[in-house]
C-alpha cells in the first residue's frame, strides 16, 4: 500500500470513528490490508458490494447500497443510516472511502474500472450547485464582456464548471492559481465553438 493510500485509509477510519486499537471485525481488518477472502466475488460490482457491505454492516446495519455498472464505471450510492458520518467534513470521508474502494477493485482487476461513490445524494447536490454557479458566472461575463474569477474550489468542482461551459457560445474557461488557491476564470469567447482548440489547463 502506498503512503497516500495509507493516509487516506487512516483518515477514513478516523472519520468513521474506527480507531487502530479497536478489535475490528474481519471485513474492516481485511480492508485495512486491502485483502479479500479467498472466496471473494469475481465481478467488479460484486467486489464493490462485498467490500462496502462488510464495512457498513460494522458501522450501522441500517445502511444500504445501490449499485450499477456502465461500461468501466461502477456507480455506488450509500443510503440510509447517518449519511453525514459517511460524507464527513466537506466530503472528505466519502472521498477517502471512494479512494480505498477503487484500490480494492484495482487489486482484483487492475486500473480498468473506476468506482464513483456517493452518499445520500451528496455529490449530486454538489454537482447541481456547481453547474448553477457556472451558468450564473457565464451570464455575468456575457453581459459585461469582462473576465470573472470564481472562488477557489476543489478539482471535482472545477471539472464540472469546465464541462458545463465547454460548449457555451459566449464564454470559455481556464484555471489559474496553485494548490488551495486554484480557481476557474470565465472569459468572453473569442473563438467559435468547435473552432480553435481550447485548453482549460487543469491537471485534475
N, C-alpha and C. Protein backbone atom coordinates (compact mmCIF):
# COMPACT_ATOMS: atom_id res chain seq x y z
N UNK A 1 0.84 -1.19 0.00
CA UNK A 1 0.00 0.00 0.00
C UNK A 1 0.88 1.24 0.00
N UNK A 2 0.53 2.21 -0.86
CA UNK A 2 1.33 3.43 -0.93
C UNK A 2 1.06 4.29 0.30
N UNK A 3 1.95 5.28 0.52
CA UNK A 3 1.78 6.19 1.65
C UNK A 3 0.48 6.98 1.52
N UNK A 4 0.13 7.40 0.27
CA UNK A 4 -1.10 8.15 0.08
C UNK A 4 -2.32 7.30 0.42
N UNK A 5 -2.31 6.03 -0.01
CA UNK A 5 -3.42 5.14 0.30
C UNK A 5 -3.52 4.92 1.81
N UNK A 6 -2.36 4.76 2.48
CA UNK A 6 -2.37 4.56 3.92
C UNK A 6 -2.95 5.78 4.63
N UNK A 7 -2.57 6.98 4.18
CA UNK A 7 -3.10 8.20 4.79
C UNK A 7 -4.60 8.29 4.55
N UNK A 8 -5.05 7.99 3.31
CA UNK A 8 -6.47 8.03 3.03
C UNK A 8 -7.23 7.04 3.91
N UNK A 9 -6.65 5.86 4.10
CA UNK A 9 -7.29 4.85 4.92
C UNK A 9 -7.36 5.30 6.38
N UNK A 10 -6.27 5.84 6.90
CA UNK A 10 -6.27 6.34 8.27
C UNK A 10 -7.31 7.44 8.45
N UNK A 11 -7.36 8.39 7.48
CA UNK A 11 -8.34 9.46 7.56
C UNK A 11 -9.76 8.90 7.52
N UNK A 12 -9.97 7.90 6.66
CA UNK A 12 -11.29 7.29 6.55
C UNK A 12 -11.71 6.65 7.87
N UNK A 13 -10.83 5.84 8.44
CA UNK A 13 -11.17 5.14 9.67
C UNK A 13 -11.43 6.11 10.80
N UNK A 14 -10.59 7.16 10.89
CA UNK A 14 -10.79 8.17 11.93
C UNK A 14 -12.11 8.91 11.73
N UNK A 15 -12.40 9.24 10.45
CA UNK A 15 -13.64 9.94 10.15
C UNK A 15 -14.87 9.13 10.49
N UNK A 16 -14.77 7.82 10.37
CA UNK A 16 -15.89 6.94 10.68
C UNK A 16 -15.91 6.53 12.14
N UNK A 17 -14.93 6.98 12.92
CA UNK A 17 -14.89 6.63 14.33
C UNK A 17 -14.31 5.28 14.61
N UNK A 18 -13.50 4.74 13.68
CA UNK A 18 -12.84 3.46 13.88
C UNK A 18 -11.39 3.74 14.19
N UNK A 19 -10.88 3.23 15.29
CA UNK A 19 -9.52 3.52 15.72
C UNK A 19 -8.67 2.27 15.66
N UNK A 20 -7.37 2.48 15.48
CA UNK A 20 -6.45 1.36 15.31
C UNK A 20 -6.52 0.37 16.46
N UNK A 21 -6.77 0.86 17.68
CA UNK A 21 -6.74 -0.04 18.82
C UNK A 21 -8.00 -0.88 18.95
N UNK A 22 -9.04 -0.56 18.15
CA UNK A 22 -10.28 -1.33 18.24
C UNK A 22 -10.09 -2.71 17.65
N UNK A 23 -10.81 -3.67 18.21
CA UNK A 23 -10.81 -5.02 17.66
C UNK A 23 -11.88 -5.07 16.60
N UNK A 24 -11.53 -4.66 15.40
CA UNK A 24 -12.50 -4.58 14.31
C UNK A 24 -12.82 -5.97 13.78
N UNK A 25 -14.05 -6.16 13.26
CA UNK A 25 -14.40 -7.45 12.69
C UNK A 25 -13.66 -7.69 11.40
N UNK A 26 -13.76 -8.89 10.88
CA UNK A 26 -12.96 -9.31 9.72
C UNK A 26 -13.08 -8.40 8.51
N UNK A 27 -14.31 -7.91 8.13
CA UNK A 27 -14.38 -7.07 6.93
C UNK A 27 -13.51 -5.83 7.04
N UNK A 28 -13.46 -5.20 8.23
CA UNK A 28 -12.65 -3.99 8.37
C UNK A 28 -11.17 -4.34 8.43
N UNK A 29 -10.83 -5.41 9.12
CA UNK A 29 -9.43 -5.82 9.13
C UNK A 29 -8.95 -6.15 7.73
N UNK A 30 -9.82 -6.78 6.94
CA UNK A 30 -9.45 -7.08 5.56
C UNK A 30 -9.24 -5.80 4.78
N UNK A 31 -10.11 -4.80 5.03
CA UNK A 31 -9.98 -3.52 4.32
C UNK A 31 -8.66 -2.85 4.65
N UNK A 32 -8.23 -2.93 5.92
CA UNK A 32 -7.02 -2.22 6.32
C UNK A 32 -5.79 -2.79 5.64
N UNK A 33 -5.87 -4.06 5.19
CA UNK A 33 -4.76 -4.62 4.44
C UNK A 33 -5.07 -4.74 2.96
N UNK A 34 -6.26 -4.21 2.58
CA UNK A 34 -6.74 -4.34 1.21
C UNK A 34 -6.73 -5.80 0.77
N UNK A 35 -7.08 -6.67 1.69
CA UNK A 35 -7.13 -8.09 1.39
C UNK A 35 -8.58 -8.54 1.32
N UNK A 36 -8.84 -9.58 0.53
CA UNK A 36 -10.15 -10.16 0.44
C UNK A 36 -10.05 -11.64 0.73
N UNK A 37 -11.11 -12.27 1.28
CA UNK A 37 -11.09 -13.70 1.50
C UNK A 37 -10.91 -14.45 0.19
N UNK A 38 -10.44 -15.69 0.29
CA UNK A 38 -10.15 -16.46 -0.91
C UNK A 38 -11.39 -16.70 -1.76
N UNK A 39 -12.60 -16.66 -1.13
CA UNK A 39 -13.83 -16.89 -1.88
C UNK A 39 -14.49 -15.57 -2.27
N UNK A 40 -13.67 -14.52 -2.48
CA UNK A 40 -14.20 -13.21 -2.80
C UNK A 40 -14.93 -13.23 -4.14
N UNK A 41 -15.90 -12.32 -4.35
CA UNK A 41 -16.65 -12.28 -5.59
C UNK A 41 -15.76 -12.04 -6.79
N UNK A 42 -16.28 -12.35 -7.97
CA UNK A 42 -15.43 -12.34 -9.16
C UNK A 42 -15.68 -11.16 -10.09
N UNK A 43 -16.82 -10.50 -10.02
CA UNK A 43 -17.07 -9.36 -10.89
C UNK A 43 -16.76 -8.06 -10.15
N UNK A 44 -16.47 -6.96 -10.87
CA UNK A 44 -16.17 -5.69 -10.19
C UNK A 44 -17.30 -5.22 -9.28
N UNK A 45 -18.54 -5.33 -9.74
CA UNK A 45 -19.67 -4.90 -8.92
C UNK A 45 -19.76 -5.74 -7.65
N UNK A 46 -19.53 -7.04 -7.78
CA UNK A 46 -19.57 -7.90 -6.60
C UNK A 46 -18.45 -7.57 -5.62
N UNK A 47 -17.28 -7.22 -6.13
CA UNK A 47 -16.17 -6.83 -5.25
C UNK A 47 -16.53 -5.57 -4.48
N UNK A 48 -17.10 -4.57 -5.18
CA UNK A 48 -17.51 -3.33 -4.52
C UNK A 48 -18.57 -3.62 -3.46
N UNK A 49 -19.57 -4.41 -3.83
CA UNK A 49 -20.64 -4.74 -2.89
C UNK A 49 -20.10 -5.48 -1.67
N UNK A 50 -19.26 -6.48 -1.91
CA UNK A 50 -18.69 -7.29 -0.83
C UNK A 50 -17.90 -6.41 0.15
N UNK A 51 -17.09 -5.53 -0.40
CA UNK A 51 -16.25 -4.67 0.44
C UNK A 51 -17.07 -3.67 1.24
N UNK A 52 -17.97 -2.94 0.54
CA UNK A 52 -18.73 -1.89 1.22
C UNK A 52 -19.73 -2.47 2.21
N UNK A 53 -20.39 -3.56 1.86
CA UNK A 53 -21.35 -4.16 2.79
C UNK A 53 -20.64 -4.60 4.07
N UNK A 54 -19.45 -5.20 3.94
CA UNK A 54 -18.71 -5.62 5.12
C UNK A 54 -18.38 -4.46 6.03
N UNK A 55 -17.96 -3.33 5.45
CA UNK A 55 -17.64 -2.16 6.26
C UNK A 55 -18.87 -1.53 6.86
N UNK A 56 -19.93 -1.37 6.05
CA UNK A 56 -21.12 -0.67 6.52
C UNK A 56 -21.88 -1.47 7.57
N UNK A 57 -21.88 -2.79 7.45
CA UNK A 57 -22.53 -3.61 8.47
C UNK A 57 -21.87 -3.41 9.83
N UNK A 58 -20.56 -3.21 9.81
CA UNK A 58 -19.82 -2.96 11.06
C UNK A 58 -20.22 -1.61 11.65
N UNK A 59 -20.46 -0.63 10.79
CA UNK A 59 -20.79 0.72 11.26
C UNK A 59 -22.23 0.82 11.73
N UNK A 60 -23.16 0.37 10.87
CA UNK A 60 -24.58 0.51 11.16
C UNK A 60 -25.36 -0.34 10.16
N UNK A 61 -26.07 -1.37 10.62
CA UNK A 61 -26.82 -2.24 9.70
C UNK A 61 -27.92 -1.52 8.92
N UNK A 62 -28.27 -0.29 9.31
CA UNK A 62 -29.33 0.43 8.60
C UNK A 62 -28.86 1.02 7.27
N UNK A 63 -27.55 0.99 7.01
CA UNK A 63 -27.06 1.45 5.71
C UNK A 63 -27.43 0.44 4.63
N UNK A 64 -27.64 0.93 3.40
CA UNK A 64 -27.83 0.06 2.25
C UNK A 64 -27.05 0.64 1.07
N UNK A 65 -26.89 -0.15 0.02
CA UNK A 65 -26.10 0.28 -1.14
C UNK A 65 -26.89 0.08 -2.42
N UNK A 66 -26.89 1.09 -3.26
CA UNK A 66 -27.46 0.99 -4.60
C UNK A 66 -26.30 0.96 -5.59
N UNK A 67 -26.23 -0.07 -6.42
CA UNK A 67 -25.10 -0.28 -7.32
C UNK A 67 -25.56 -0.42 -8.76
N UNK A 68 -24.78 0.15 -9.67
CA UNK A 68 -24.99 -0.10 -11.09
C UNK A 68 -23.66 0.04 -11.81
N UNK A 69 -23.53 -0.62 -12.94
CA UNK A 69 -22.30 -0.54 -13.73
C UNK A 69 -22.63 -0.07 -15.14
N UNK A 70 -21.87 0.88 -15.64
CA UNK A 70 -21.97 1.36 -17.01
C UNK A 70 -20.59 1.29 -17.63
N UNK A 71 -20.38 0.28 -18.47
CA UNK A 71 -19.07 0.02 -19.07
C UNK A 71 -18.02 -0.15 -17.97
N UNK A 72 -16.99 0.71 -17.94
CA UNK A 72 -15.93 0.55 -16.93
C UNK A 72 -16.15 1.44 -15.72
N UNK A 73 -17.35 2.00 -15.59
CA UNK A 73 -17.70 2.83 -14.43
C UNK A 73 -18.67 2.08 -13.53
N UNK A 74 -18.40 2.11 -12.24
CA UNK A 74 -19.29 1.50 -11.25
C UNK A 74 -19.79 2.62 -10.35
N UNK A 75 -21.11 2.77 -10.32
CA UNK A 75 -21.72 3.82 -9.52
C UNK A 75 -22.33 3.20 -8.27
N UNK A 76 -21.89 3.65 -7.11
CA UNK A 76 -22.38 3.13 -5.85
C UNK A 76 -22.87 4.29 -4.99
N UNK A 77 -24.07 4.14 -4.44
CA UNK A 77 -24.58 5.16 -3.54
C UNK A 77 -24.98 4.51 -2.22
N UNK A 78 -24.49 5.08 -1.14
CA UNK A 78 -24.80 4.60 0.21
C UNK A 78 -26.04 5.34 0.70
N UNK A 79 -27.04 4.56 1.10
CA UNK A 79 -28.31 5.13 1.52
C UNK A 79 -28.61 4.72 2.96
N UNK A 80 -29.52 5.46 3.61
CA UNK A 80 -29.93 5.13 4.96
C UNK A 80 -28.87 5.49 5.99
N UNK A 81 -29.12 5.14 7.24
CA UNK A 81 -28.16 5.40 8.30
C UNK A 81 -27.85 6.88 8.45
N UNK A 82 -26.71 7.16 9.04
CA UNK A 82 -26.24 8.53 9.24
C UNK A 82 -25.39 8.94 8.05
N UNK A 83 -26.00 9.61 7.08
CA UNK A 83 -25.27 9.99 5.88
C UNK A 83 -24.11 10.92 6.17
N UNK A 84 -24.28 11.78 7.16
CA UNK A 84 -23.21 12.72 7.50
C UNK A 84 -21.94 12.03 7.95
N UNK A 85 -22.08 10.89 8.61
CA UNK A 85 -20.90 10.15 9.07
C UNK A 85 -20.10 9.62 7.89
N UNK A 86 -20.80 9.18 6.86
CA UNK A 86 -20.13 8.67 5.66
C UNK A 86 -19.54 9.80 4.84
N UNK A 87 -20.25 10.91 4.77
CA UNK A 87 -19.79 12.03 3.94
C UNK A 87 -18.60 12.73 4.58
N UNK A 88 -18.68 13.01 5.88
CA UNK A 88 -17.59 13.70 6.56
C UNK A 88 -17.55 15.18 6.21
N UNK A 89 -16.61 15.87 6.83
CA UNK A 89 -16.48 17.31 6.61
C UNK A 89 -16.07 17.59 5.18
N UNK A 90 -16.88 18.40 4.48
CA UNK A 90 -16.64 18.78 3.10
C UNK A 90 -16.43 17.55 2.20
N UNK A 91 -17.06 16.44 2.56
CA UNK A 91 -16.99 15.25 1.73
C UNK A 91 -15.70 14.47 1.81
N UNK A 92 -14.87 14.76 2.82
CA UNK A 92 -13.53 14.14 2.87
C UNK A 92 -13.60 12.66 3.19
N UNK A 93 -14.49 12.26 4.10
CA UNK A 93 -14.60 10.84 4.43
C UNK A 93 -15.12 10.06 3.24
N UNK A 94 -16.10 10.60 2.55
CA UNK A 94 -16.64 9.96 1.35
C UNK A 94 -15.55 9.80 0.29
N UNK A 95 -14.74 10.83 0.09
CA UNK A 95 -13.66 10.77 -0.88
C UNK A 95 -12.64 9.71 -0.50
N UNK A 96 -12.30 9.64 0.79
CA UNK A 96 -11.34 8.63 1.24
C UNK A 96 -11.89 7.23 1.03
N UNK A 97 -13.18 7.04 1.33
CA UNK A 97 -13.79 5.73 1.13
C UNK A 97 -13.82 5.35 -0.35
N UNK A 98 -14.06 6.33 -1.21
CA UNK A 98 -14.03 6.07 -2.65
C UNK A 98 -12.62 5.66 -3.10
N UNK A 99 -11.61 6.34 -2.57
CA UNK A 99 -10.22 6.01 -2.92
C UNK A 99 -9.87 4.58 -2.53
N UNK A 100 -10.24 4.19 -1.31
CA UNK A 100 -9.93 2.84 -0.84
C UNK A 100 -10.73 1.80 -1.62
N UNK A 101 -11.98 2.09 -1.93
CA UNK A 101 -12.80 1.16 -2.72
C UNK A 101 -12.18 0.95 -4.10
N UNK A 102 -11.70 2.02 -4.71
CA UNK A 102 -11.03 1.89 -6.01
C UNK A 102 -9.75 1.06 -5.89
N UNK A 103 -9.03 1.20 -4.77
CA UNK A 103 -7.83 0.40 -4.57
C UNK A 103 -8.17 -1.08 -4.45
N UNK A 104 -9.28 -1.40 -3.78
CA UNK A 104 -9.70 -2.79 -3.65
C UNK A 104 -10.05 -3.36 -5.02
N UNK A 105 -10.79 -2.61 -5.83
CA UNK A 105 -11.15 -3.07 -7.17
C UNK A 105 -9.92 -3.24 -8.04
N UNK A 106 -8.99 -2.27 -7.95
CA UNK A 106 -7.77 -2.34 -8.75
C UNK A 106 -6.93 -3.56 -8.37
N UNK A 107 -6.96 -3.97 -7.12
CA UNK A 107 -6.21 -5.15 -6.68
C UNK A 107 -6.67 -6.40 -7.44
N UNK A 108 -7.96 -6.46 -7.74
CA UNK A 108 -8.52 -7.61 -8.44
C UNK A 108 -8.45 -7.48 -9.96
N UNK A 109 -8.69 -6.27 -10.47
CA UNK A 109 -8.91 -6.10 -11.91
C UNK A 109 -7.98 -5.09 -12.57
N UNK A 110 -7.02 -4.53 -11.83
CA UNK A 110 -6.17 -3.51 -12.40
C UNK A 110 -6.91 -2.17 -12.50
N UNK A 111 -6.36 -1.22 -13.25
CA UNK A 111 -6.91 0.13 -13.28
C UNK A 111 -8.07 0.33 -14.25
N UNK A 112 -8.58 -0.74 -14.85
CA UNK A 112 -9.62 -0.61 -15.88
C UNK A 112 -10.89 0.02 -15.35
N UNK A 113 -11.30 -0.34 -14.14
CA UNK A 113 -12.59 0.09 -13.62
C UNK A 113 -12.45 1.26 -12.64
N UNK A 114 -13.46 2.11 -12.64
CA UNK A 114 -13.47 3.27 -11.75
C UNK A 114 -14.77 3.29 -10.96
N UNK A 115 -14.66 3.41 -9.64
CA UNK A 115 -15.82 3.47 -8.77
C UNK A 115 -16.13 4.92 -8.44
N UNK A 116 -17.36 5.33 -8.69
CA UNK A 116 -17.86 6.64 -8.28
C UNK A 116 -18.81 6.43 -7.11
N UNK A 117 -18.42 6.94 -5.95
CA UNK A 117 -19.17 6.70 -4.73
C UNK A 117 -19.90 7.95 -4.27
N UNK A 118 -21.16 7.78 -3.91
CA UNK A 118 -21.95 8.89 -3.37
C UNK A 118 -22.64 8.41 -2.10
N UNK A 119 -23.15 9.34 -1.32
CA UNK A 119 -23.89 9.01 -0.11
C UNK A 119 -25.02 10.01 0.07
N UNK A 120 -26.24 9.50 0.15
CA UNK A 120 -27.43 10.32 0.39
C UNK A 120 -27.54 11.47 -0.61
N UNK A 121 -27.09 11.26 -1.86
CA UNK A 121 -27.21 12.28 -2.89
C UNK A 121 -26.28 13.46 -2.74
N UNK A 122 -25.25 13.35 -1.87
CA UNK A 122 -24.36 14.48 -1.58
C UNK A 122 -23.68 15.00 -2.85
N UNK A 123 -23.08 14.10 -3.61
CA UNK A 123 -22.31 14.56 -4.77
C UNK A 123 -23.21 15.11 -5.87
N UNK A 124 -24.40 14.56 -6.01
CA UNK A 124 -25.32 15.11 -7.00
C UNK A 124 -25.70 16.53 -6.63
N UNK A 125 -25.94 16.78 -5.35
CA UNK A 125 -26.26 18.14 -4.92
C UNK A 125 -25.08 19.08 -5.18
N UNK A 126 -23.85 18.60 -4.91
CA UNK A 126 -22.67 19.42 -5.16
C UNK A 126 -22.53 19.74 -6.65
N UNK A 127 -22.78 18.73 -7.49
CA UNK A 127 -22.68 18.94 -8.93
C UNK A 127 -23.73 19.93 -9.42
N UNK A 128 -24.95 19.81 -8.91
CA UNK A 128 -26.02 20.72 -9.31
C UNK A 128 -25.68 22.16 -8.92
N UNK A 129 -25.13 22.33 -7.72
CA UNK A 129 -24.75 23.68 -7.28
C UNK A 129 -23.63 24.24 -8.16
N UNK A 130 -22.65 23.40 -8.50
CA UNK A 130 -21.54 23.86 -9.33
C UNK A 130 -22.03 24.26 -10.73
N UNK A 131 -22.94 23.48 -11.29
CA UNK A 131 -23.49 23.83 -12.61
C UNK A 131 -24.25 25.15 -12.56
N UNK A 132 -25.00 25.35 -11.49
CA UNK A 132 -25.75 26.61 -11.34
C UNK A 132 -24.78 27.78 -11.25
N UNK A 133 -23.72 27.63 -10.47
CA UNK A 133 -22.73 28.71 -10.34
C UNK A 133 -22.06 28.99 -11.68
N UNK A 134 -21.79 27.93 -12.45
CA UNK A 134 -21.16 28.10 -13.75
C UNK A 134 -22.04 28.92 -14.69
N UNK A 135 -23.32 28.60 -14.73
CA UNK A 135 -24.23 29.30 -15.63
C UNK A 135 -24.44 30.75 -15.18
N UNK A 136 -24.46 30.98 -13.86
CA UNK A 136 -24.58 32.35 -13.36
C UNK A 136 -23.34 33.16 -13.73
N UNK A 137 -22.16 32.57 -13.61
CA UNK A 137 -20.93 33.27 -13.99
C UNK A 137 -20.92 33.57 -15.48
N UNK A 138 -21.39 32.62 -16.28
CA UNK A 138 -21.43 32.82 -17.73
C UNK A 138 -22.35 33.99 -18.09
N UNK A 139 -23.47 34.10 -17.40
CA UNK A 139 -24.39 35.21 -17.68
C UNK A 139 -23.73 36.56 -17.38
N UNK A 140 -22.98 36.62 -16.28
CA UNK A 140 -22.30 37.88 -15.92
C UNK A 140 -21.26 38.25 -16.96
N UNK A 141 -20.46 37.27 -17.37
CA UNK A 141 -19.40 37.54 -18.35
C UNK A 141 -20.00 37.93 -19.70
N UNK A 142 -21.06 37.24 -20.11
CA UNK A 142 -21.70 37.57 -21.38
C UNK A 142 -22.30 38.97 -21.35
N UNK A 143 -22.80 39.38 -20.19
CA UNK A 143 -23.43 40.70 -20.09
C UNK A 143 -22.41 41.83 -20.01
N UNK A 144 -21.28 41.58 -19.34
CA UNK A 144 -20.30 42.65 -19.12
C UNK A 144 -19.16 42.64 -20.12
N UNK A 145 -18.90 41.47 -20.71
CA UNK A 145 -17.76 41.36 -21.62
C UNK A 145 -16.43 41.31 -20.91
N UNK A 146 -16.45 41.14 -19.60
CA UNK A 146 -15.23 41.10 -18.81
C UNK A 146 -15.05 39.73 -18.15
N UNK A 147 -13.78 39.33 -17.95
CA UNK A 147 -13.49 38.05 -17.31
C UNK A 147 -13.94 38.06 -15.85
N UNK A 148 -14.29 36.91 -15.36
CA UNK A 148 -14.73 36.77 -13.97
C UNK A 148 -13.98 35.62 -13.31
N UNK A 149 -13.34 35.92 -12.18
CA UNK A 149 -12.64 34.88 -11.42
C UNK A 149 -13.58 34.28 -10.39
N UNK A 150 -13.76 32.98 -10.47
CA UNK A 150 -14.61 32.30 -9.50
C UNK A 150 -13.80 31.98 -8.24
N UNK A 151 -14.45 31.73 -7.11
CA UNK A 151 -13.72 31.43 -5.88
C UNK A 151 -12.94 30.12 -6.02
N UNK A 152 -11.88 29.92 -5.23
CA UNK A 152 -11.18 28.63 -5.23
C UNK A 152 -12.14 27.49 -4.93
N UNK A 153 -11.92 26.37 -5.59
CA UNK A 153 -12.77 25.22 -5.36
C UNK A 153 -12.00 23.94 -5.62
N UNK A 154 -12.57 22.83 -5.22
CA UNK A 154 -11.90 21.53 -5.36
C UNK A 154 -11.86 21.10 -6.81
N UNK A 155 -10.91 20.20 -7.16
CA UNK A 155 -10.77 19.76 -8.55
C UNK A 155 -12.06 19.25 -9.17
N UNK A 156 -12.83 18.46 -8.44
CA UNK A 156 -14.07 17.91 -9.00
C UNK A 156 -15.04 19.02 -9.37
N UNK A 157 -15.11 20.07 -8.56
CA UNK A 157 -16.00 21.19 -8.86
C UNK A 157 -15.50 21.97 -10.07
N UNK A 158 -14.18 22.15 -10.16
CA UNK A 158 -13.65 22.85 -11.33
C UNK A 158 -13.95 22.09 -12.61
N UNK A 159 -13.84 20.77 -12.56
CA UNK A 159 -14.16 19.98 -13.74
C UNK A 159 -15.60 20.20 -14.19
N UNK A 160 -16.51 20.28 -13.22
CA UNK A 160 -17.92 20.49 -13.57
C UNK A 160 -18.11 21.86 -14.23
N UNK A 161 -17.42 22.89 -13.70
CA UNK A 161 -17.51 24.22 -14.30
C UNK A 161 -17.03 24.16 -15.75
N UNK A 162 -15.86 23.55 -15.97
CA UNK A 162 -15.32 23.46 -17.34
C UNK A 162 -16.27 22.72 -18.27
N UNK A 163 -16.80 21.59 -17.81
CA UNK A 163 -17.67 20.78 -18.67
C UNK A 163 -19.00 21.48 -18.93
N UNK A 164 -19.53 22.18 -17.94
CA UNK A 164 -20.81 22.88 -18.12
C UNK A 164 -20.70 23.97 -19.17
N UNK A 165 -19.57 24.67 -19.20
CA UNK A 165 -19.41 25.81 -20.11
C UNK A 165 -18.59 25.48 -21.36
N UNK A 166 -18.24 24.22 -21.52
CA UNK A 166 -17.38 23.82 -22.64
C UNK A 166 -17.93 24.26 -23.99
N UNK A 167 -19.23 24.13 -24.20
CA UNK A 167 -19.85 24.46 -25.49
C UNK A 167 -20.70 25.72 -25.42
N UNK A 168 -20.46 26.54 -24.40
CA UNK A 168 -21.22 27.79 -24.29
C UNK A 168 -20.83 28.70 -25.45
N UNK A 169 -21.79 29.32 -26.13
CA UNK A 169 -21.45 30.13 -27.31
C UNK A 169 -20.76 31.45 -27.02
N UNK A 170 -20.82 31.93 -25.77
CA UNK A 170 -20.31 33.27 -25.48
C UNK A 170 -19.12 33.31 -24.53
N UNK A 171 -18.85 32.22 -23.81
CA UNK A 171 -17.76 32.25 -22.83
C UNK A 171 -16.95 30.97 -22.91
N UNK A 172 -15.75 31.03 -22.33
CA UNK A 172 -14.90 29.86 -22.20
C UNK A 172 -14.24 29.91 -20.81
N UNK A 173 -13.52 28.87 -20.46
CA UNK A 173 -12.96 28.79 -19.10
C UNK A 173 -11.52 28.31 -19.12
N UNK A 174 -10.79 28.68 -18.10
CA UNK A 174 -9.48 28.09 -17.81
C UNK A 174 -9.24 28.23 -16.31
N UNK A 175 -8.23 27.58 -15.80
CA UNK A 175 -7.94 27.64 -14.36
C UNK A 175 -6.62 28.34 -14.12
N UNK A 176 -6.56 29.02 -12.98
CA UNK A 176 -5.35 29.71 -12.56
C UNK A 176 -5.11 29.43 -11.08
N UNK A 177 -3.87 29.69 -10.64
CA UNK A 177 -3.54 29.53 -9.24
C UNK A 177 -2.98 28.15 -8.93
N UNK A 178 -2.48 28.01 -7.72
CA UNK A 178 -1.86 26.77 -7.28
C UNK A 178 -2.51 26.28 -5.99
N UNK A 179 -2.52 24.98 -5.81
CA UNK A 179 -2.99 24.39 -4.57
C UNK A 179 -4.40 24.80 -4.22
N UNK A 180 -4.60 25.19 -2.97
CA UNK A 180 -5.94 25.54 -2.50
C UNK A 180 -6.45 26.84 -3.10
N UNK A 181 -5.57 27.61 -3.75
CA UNK A 181 -5.98 28.87 -4.37
C UNK A 181 -6.37 28.69 -5.84
N UNK A 182 -6.30 27.47 -6.35
CA UNK A 182 -6.61 27.25 -7.77
C UNK A 182 -8.10 27.49 -8.01
N UNK A 183 -8.42 28.24 -9.07
CA UNK A 183 -9.79 28.64 -9.33
C UNK A 183 -10.04 28.74 -10.83
N UNK A 184 -11.30 28.78 -11.18
CA UNK A 184 -11.71 28.89 -12.58
C UNK A 184 -11.89 30.36 -12.94
N UNK A 185 -11.43 30.71 -14.14
CA UNK A 185 -11.67 32.04 -14.69
C UNK A 185 -12.56 31.88 -15.92
N UNK A 186 -13.67 32.59 -15.92
CA UNK A 186 -14.60 32.57 -17.06
C UNK A 186 -14.34 33.82 -17.88
N UNK A 187 -14.08 33.66 -19.18
CA UNK A 187 -13.74 34.79 -20.05
C UNK A 187 -14.63 34.80 -21.28
N UNK A 188 -14.77 35.98 -21.92
CA UNK A 188 -15.53 36.03 -23.16
C UNK A 188 -14.88 35.13 -24.23
N UNK A 189 -15.70 34.44 -24.98
CA UNK A 189 -15.19 33.54 -26.01
C UNK A 189 -14.74 34.35 -27.23
N UNK A 190 -13.53 34.05 -27.71
CA UNK A 190 -13.00 34.74 -28.89
C UNK A 190 -13.00 33.84 -30.11
N UNK A 191 -13.16 32.53 -29.90
CA UNK A 191 -13.24 31.58 -31.00
C UNK A 191 -14.61 30.91 -30.96
N UNK A 192 -15.18 30.62 -32.13
CA UNK A 192 -16.48 29.93 -32.13
C UNK A 192 -16.36 28.52 -31.56
N UNK A 193 -17.47 28.03 -31.03
CA UNK A 193 -17.49 26.66 -30.52
C UNK A 193 -17.12 25.71 -31.65
N UNK A 194 -16.17 24.82 -31.36
CA UNK A 194 -15.71 23.88 -32.39
C UNK A 194 -14.61 24.46 -33.25
N UNK A 195 -14.15 25.69 -32.92
CA UNK A 195 -13.08 26.31 -33.67
C UNK A 195 -11.73 25.87 -33.14
N UNK A 196 -10.85 26.85 -32.87
CA UNK A 196 -9.51 26.53 -32.37
C UNK A 196 -9.61 25.76 -31.07
N UNK A 197 -8.67 24.84 -30.88
CA UNK A 197 -8.66 24.02 -29.65
C UNK A 197 -8.53 24.89 -28.43
N UNK A 198 -9.32 24.58 -27.41
CA UNK A 198 -9.26 25.32 -26.17
C UNK A 198 -8.66 24.45 -25.09
N UNK A 199 -8.05 25.07 -24.13
CA UNK A 199 -7.38 24.34 -23.07
C UNK A 199 -7.76 24.95 -21.73
N UNK A 200 -8.27 24.14 -20.81
CA UNK A 200 -8.64 24.69 -19.51
C UNK A 200 -7.47 24.59 -18.53
N UNK A 201 -6.35 24.05 -18.96
CA UNK A 201 -5.10 23.92 -18.22
C UNK A 201 -5.31 23.48 -16.77
N UNK A 202 -6.23 22.55 -16.57
CA UNK A 202 -6.44 21.96 -15.26
C UNK A 202 -5.91 20.54 -15.27
N UNK A 203 -4.86 20.28 -14.49
CA UNK A 203 -4.31 18.92 -14.38
C UNK A 203 -5.04 18.21 -13.27
N UNK A 204 -6.28 17.77 -13.54
CA UNK A 204 -7.07 17.14 -12.47
C UNK A 204 -7.83 15.94 -12.95
